[in-house]
Amino acid sequence: MLGMVTGIGVPAIHAQRVADAPGNPAAASLPPTSGFGILQGRWVRPDGGYVITIKSVDASGKLEAGYANPNLLPFARAEATRDGGTLRVFLELRAGGYNGSTYTLVHDPVNDVLRGVYYQAVAGQRFDVYFVRAK
């Protein structure tokens, strides 16, 4: 399947290389006292315009968030966790034919980028991706 990733119509040639992300320290870390609020906002995946909008984050890390490709879809699961100084985000899509596709991301506070892996469940493929904050 070189032409298209099955199920969502994303051309396989558009998979990102994390090395292309600004600054690329693979897992930059936050000071341990930082909260989840830094995640709020609109995050855009430059390789296709996919958008994650994080409206709010509660103290436990539960995110109120949505995904646009280009139509808005809800996340079945959206949460942030802290592992030492590293802020992690897990997002699961079940609507719109995504069938359990996930984003597992780490926030790079130096470059204000979310980077990690997109698992496309229908095709069983993983892609390195990153999101930049929309200004």
C-alpha atoms as a PDB file:
ATOM      1  CA  MET A   1       0.000   0.000   0.000  1.00  0.00           C
ATOM      2  CA  LEU A   2       2.287   2.731  -1.130  1.00  0.00           C
ATOM      3  CA  GLY A   3      -0.332   5.095  -2.484  1.00  0.00           C
ATOM      4  CA  MET A   4      -2.833   5.542   0.304  1.00  0.00           C
ATOM      5  CA  VAL A   5      -3.167   4.561   3.923  1.00  0.00           C
ATOM      6  CA  THR A   6      -6.372   2.540   4.071  1.00  0.00           C
ATOM      7  CA  GLY A   7      -9.384   3.968   5.820  1.00  0.00           C
ATOM      8  CA  ILE A   8      -8.782   7.693   6.006  1.00  0.00           C
ATOM      9  CA  GLY A   9      -7.357   8.735   2.654  1.00  0.00           C
ATOM     10  CA  VAL A  10      -4.027  10.043   3.937  1.00  0.00           C
ATOM     11  CA  PRO A  11      -1.347   9.641   1.289  1.00  0.00           C
ATOM     12  CA  ALA A  12       1.476   7.550   2.748  1.00  0.00           C
ATOM     13  CA  ILE A  13       4.008   9.891   1.173  1.00  0.00           C
ATOM     14  CA  HIS A  14       2.817  12.594   3.577  1.00  0.00           C
ATOM     15  CA  ALA A  15       4.029  10.818   6.710  1.00  0.00           C
ATOM     16  CA  GLN A  16       6.220  13.217   8.629  1.00  0.00           C
ATOM     17  CA  ARG A  17       9.753  12.743   9.719  1.00  0.00           C
ATOM     18  CA  VAL A  18      10.239  13.826  13.305  1.00  0.00           C
ATOM     19  CA  ALA A  19      13.723  14.949  12.270  1.00  0.00           C
ATOM     20  CA  ASP A  20      11.970  17.722  10.308  1.00  0.00           C
ATOM     21  CA  ALA A  21      10.371  19.152  13.449  1.00  0.00           C
ATOM     22  CA  PRO A  22      11.816  22.381  14.806  1.00  0.00           C
ATOM     23  CA  GLY A  23      14.681  21.854  17.251  1.00  0.00           C
ATOM     24  CA  ASN A  24      14.184  18.094  17.518  1.00  0.00           C
ATOM     25  CA  PRO A  25      15.495  17.188  20.932  1.00  0.00           C
ATOM     26  CA  ALA A  26      13.712  13.823  20.947  1.00  0.00           C
ATOM     27  CA  ALA A  27      12.101  14.286  24.342  1.00  0.00           C
ATOM     28  CA  ALA A  28      12.727  17.697  25.821  1.00  0.00           C
ATOM     29  CA  SER A  29      11.403  17.945  29.331  1.00  0.00           C
ATOM     30  CA  LEU A  30       9.371  20.374  31.404  1.00  0.00           C
ATOM     31  CA  PRO A  31      10.171  21.462  34.904  1.00  0.00           C
ATOM     32  CA  PRO A  32       8.298  19.016  37.194  1.00  0.00           C
ATOM     33  CA  THR A  33       6.136  21.827  38.608  1.00  0.00           C
ATOM     34  CA  SER A  34       4.629  22.784  35.224  1.00  0.00           C
ATOM     35  CA  GLY A  35       0.900  22.187  34.774  1.00  0.00           C
ATOM     36  CA  PHE A  36      -1.063  20.761  31.887  1.00  0.00           C
ATOM     37  CA  GLY A  37      -2.425  24.182  30.869  1.00  0.00           C
ATOM     38  CA  ILE A  38       0.450  24.676  28.418  1.00  0.00           C
ATOM     39  CA  LEU A  39      -1.321  22.163  26.147  1.00  0.00           C
ATOM     40  CA  GLN A  40      -4.389  24.340  25.592  1.00  0.00           C
ATOM     41  CA  GLY A  41      -4.712  25.740  22.110  1.00  0.00           C
ATOM     42  CA  ARG A  42      -4.794  24.750  18.464  1.00  0.00           C
ATOM     43  CA  TRP A  43      -2.103  22.362  17.181  1.00  0.00           C
ATOM     44  CA  VAL A  44      -1.559  21.816  13.440  1.00  0.00           C
ATOM     45  CA  ARG A  45       0.194  18.906  11.731  1.00  0.00           C
ATOM     46  CA  PRO A  46       2.146  20.614   8.933  1.00  0.00           C
ATOM     47  CA  ASP A  47       2.108  17.620   6.578  1.00  0.00           C
ATOM     48  CA  GLY A  48      -1.630  17.664   6.046  1.00  0.00           C
ATOM     49  CA  GLY A  49      -3.340  20.377   8.034  1.00  0.00           C
ATOM     50  CA  TYR A  50      -4.803  17.983  10.605  1.00  0.00           C
ATOM     51  CA  VAL A  51      -5.745  19.955  13.719  1.00  0.00           C
ATOM     52  CA  ILE A  52      -5.968  19.052  17.396  1.00  0.00           C
ATOM     53  CA  THR A  53      -7.833  21.642  19.451  1.00  0.00           C
ATOM     54  CA  ILE A  54      -7.373  21.366  23.212  1.00  0.00           C
ATOM     55  CA  LYS A  55     -10.026  23.504  24.897  1.00  0.00           C
ATOM     56  CA  SER A  56      -9.201  22.629  28.484  1.00  0.00           C
ATOM     57  CA  VAL A  57      -7.251  20.274  30.719  1.00  0.00           C
ATOM     58  CA  ASP A  58      -8.262  19.389  34.254  1.00  0.00           C
ATOM     59  CA  ALA A  59      -5.838  18.731  37.120  1.00  0.00           C
ATOM     60  CA  SER A  60      -5.972  14.959  36.500  1.00  0.00           C
ATOM     61  CA  GLY A  61      -4.911  15.439  32.860  1.00  0.00           C
ATOM     62  CA  LYS A  62      -8.286  14.803  31.198  1.00  0.00           C
ATOM     63  CA  LEU A  63      -8.418  16.847  27.998  1.00  0.00           C
ATOM     64  CA  GLU A  64     -11.454  18.446  26.422  1.00  0.00           C
ATOM     65  CA  ALA A  65     -10.253  18.172  22.837  1.00  0.00           C
ATOM     66  CA  GLY A  66     -11.299  17.571  19.240  1.00  0.00           C
ATOM     67  CA  TYR A  67      -9.685  16.558  15.951  1.00  0.00           C
ATOM     68  CA  ALA A  68     -10.282  18.088  12.520  1.00  0.00           C
ATOM     69  CA  ASN A  69      -9.452  16.285   9.255  1.00  0.00           C
ATOM     70  CA  PRO A  70     -11.079  18.595   8.037  1.00  0.00           C
ATOM     71  CA  ASN A  71     -14.402  17.802   9.775  1.00  0.00           C
ATOM     72  CA  LEU A  72     -14.439  17.959  13.574  1.00  0.00           C
ATOM     73  CA  LEU A  73     -14.366  14.580  15.326  1.00  0.00           C
ATOM     74  CA  PRO A  74     -14.391  13.824  19.049  1.00  0.00           C
ATOM     75  CA  PHE A  75     -11.664  11.842  20.753  1.00  0.00           C
ATOM     76  CA  ALA A  76     -12.813   8.640  22.464  1.00  0.00           C
ATOM     77  CA  ARG A  77      -9.971   9.158  24.942  1.00  0.00           C
ATOM     78  CA  ALA A  78      -7.864  12.286  25.470  1.00  0.00           C
ATOM     79  CA  GLU A  79      -5.464  12.595  28.369  1.00  0.00           C
ATOM     80  CA  ALA A  80      -2.197  14.148  29.460  1.00  0.00           C
ATOM     81  CA  THR A  81       0.252  12.635  31.909  1.00  0.00           C
ATOM     82  CA  ARG A  82       3.535  13.733  33.392  1.00  0.00           C
ATOM     83  CA  ASP A  83       6.495  11.360  33.554  1.00  0.00           C
ATOM     84  CA  GLY A  84       9.080  13.233  35.613  1.00  0.00           C
ATOM     85  CA  GLY A  85       9.626  16.430  33.643  1.00  0.00           C
ATOM     86  CA  THR A  86       8.098  15.075  30.418  1.00  0.00           C
ATOM     87  CA  LEU A  87       4.536  15.990  29.465  1.00  0.00           C
ATOM     88  CA  ARG A  88       2.819  13.235  27.431  1.00  0.00           C
ATOM     89  CA  VAL A  89      -0.449  13.320  25.484  1.00  0.00           C
ATOM     90  CA  PHE A  90      -2.510  10.288  24.441  1.00  0.00           C
ATOM     91  CA  LEU A  91      -5.428  10.713  22.002  1.00  0.00           C
ATOM     92  CA  GLU A  92      -7.684   7.979  20.634  1.00  0.00           C
ATOM     93  CA  LEU A  93     -10.083   8.318  17.698  1.00  0.00           C
ATOM     94  CA  ARG A  94     -12.993   5.924  17.175  1.00  0.00           C
ATOM     95  CA  ALA A  95     -15.376   8.111  15.138  1.00  0.00           C
ATOM     96  CA  GLY A  96     -15.396   8.611  11.388  1.00  0.00           C
ATOM     97  CA  GLY A  97     -13.762   5.302  10.442  1.00  0.00           C
ATOM     98  CA  TYR A  98     -10.641   5.788  12.589  1.00  0.00           C
ATOM     99  CA  ASN A  99     -11.405   2.573  14.533  1.00  0.00           C
ATOM    100  CA  GLY A 100      -9.022   3.118  17.443  1.00  0.00           C
ATOM    101  CA  SER A 101      -6.280   5.122  15.732  1.00  0.00           C
ATOM    102  CA  THR A 102      -4.093   6.923  18.279  1.00  0.00           C
ATOM    103  CA  TYR A 103      -1.644   9.742  18.744  1.00  0.00           C
ATOM    104  CA  THR A 104       1.032   9.266  21.415  1.00  0.00           C
ATOM    105  CA  LEU A 105       2.807  12.605  21.754  1.00  0.00           C
ATOM    106  CA  VAL A 106       5.377  14.397  23.923  1.00  0.00           C
ATOM    107  CA  HIS A 107       5.417  18.157  24.415  1.00  0.00           C
ATOM    108  CA  ASP A 108       8.749  19.811  23.579  1.00  0.00           C
ATOM    109  CA  PRO A 109       8.614  22.994  25.693  1.00  0.00           C
ATOM    110  CA  VAL A 110      11.713  24.540  24.099  1.00  0.00           C
ATOM    111  CA  ASN A 111      10.147  24.558  20.617  1.00  0.00           C
ATOM    112  CA  ASP A 112       6.474  24.358  21.705  1.00  0.00           C
ATOM    113  CA  VAL A 113       5.886  21.291  19.527  1.00  0.00           C
ATOM    114  CA  LEU A 114       3.941  18.067  20.132  1.00  0.00           C
ATOM    115  CA  ARG A 115       5.834  15.168  18.547  1.00  0.00           C
ATOM    116  CA  GLY A 116       5.426  11.420  18.575  1.00  0.00           C
ATOM    117  CA  VAL A 117       3.693   8.575  16.798  1.00  0.00           C
ATOM    118  CA  TYR A 118       0.385   8.308  14.951  1.00  0.00           C
ATOM    119  CA  TYR A 119      -0.922   4.740  14.881  1.00  0.00           C
ATOM    120  CA  GLN A 120      -3.338   4.246  11.964  1.00  0.00           C
ATOM    121  CA  ALA A 121      -5.383   1.321  13.299  1.00  0.00           C
ATOM    122  CA  VAL A 122      -7.185   0.353  10.085  1.00  0.00           C
ATOM    123  CA  ALA A 123      -3.928  -0.198   8.179  1.00  0.00           C
ATOM    124  CA  GLY A 124      -1.908  -1.179  11.254  1.00  0.00           C
ATOM    125  CA  GLN A 125       0.783   1.388  10.404  1.00  0.00           C
ATOM    126  CA  ARG A 126       2.764   3.829  12.546  1.00  0.00           C
ATOM    127  CA  PHE A 127       3.997   7.252  11.448  1.00  0.00           C
ATOM    128  CA  ASP A 128       6.327   9.712  13.162  1.00  0.00           C
ATOM    129  CA  VAL A 129       4.465  13.028  13.356  1.00  0.00           C
ATOM    130  CA  TYR A 130       4.582  16.435  14.968  1.00  0.00           C
ATOM    131  CA  PHE A 131       2.177  19.302  15.589  1.00  0.00           C
ATOM    132  CA  VAL A 132       3.038  22.978  15.873  1.00  0.00           C
ATOM    133  CA  ARG A 133       0.985  25.466  17.826  1.00  0.00           C
ATOM    134  CA  ALA A 134      -1.209  27.626  15.568  1.00  0.00           C
ATOM    135  CA  LYS A 135      -0.478  31.297  16.166  1.00  0.00           C
END
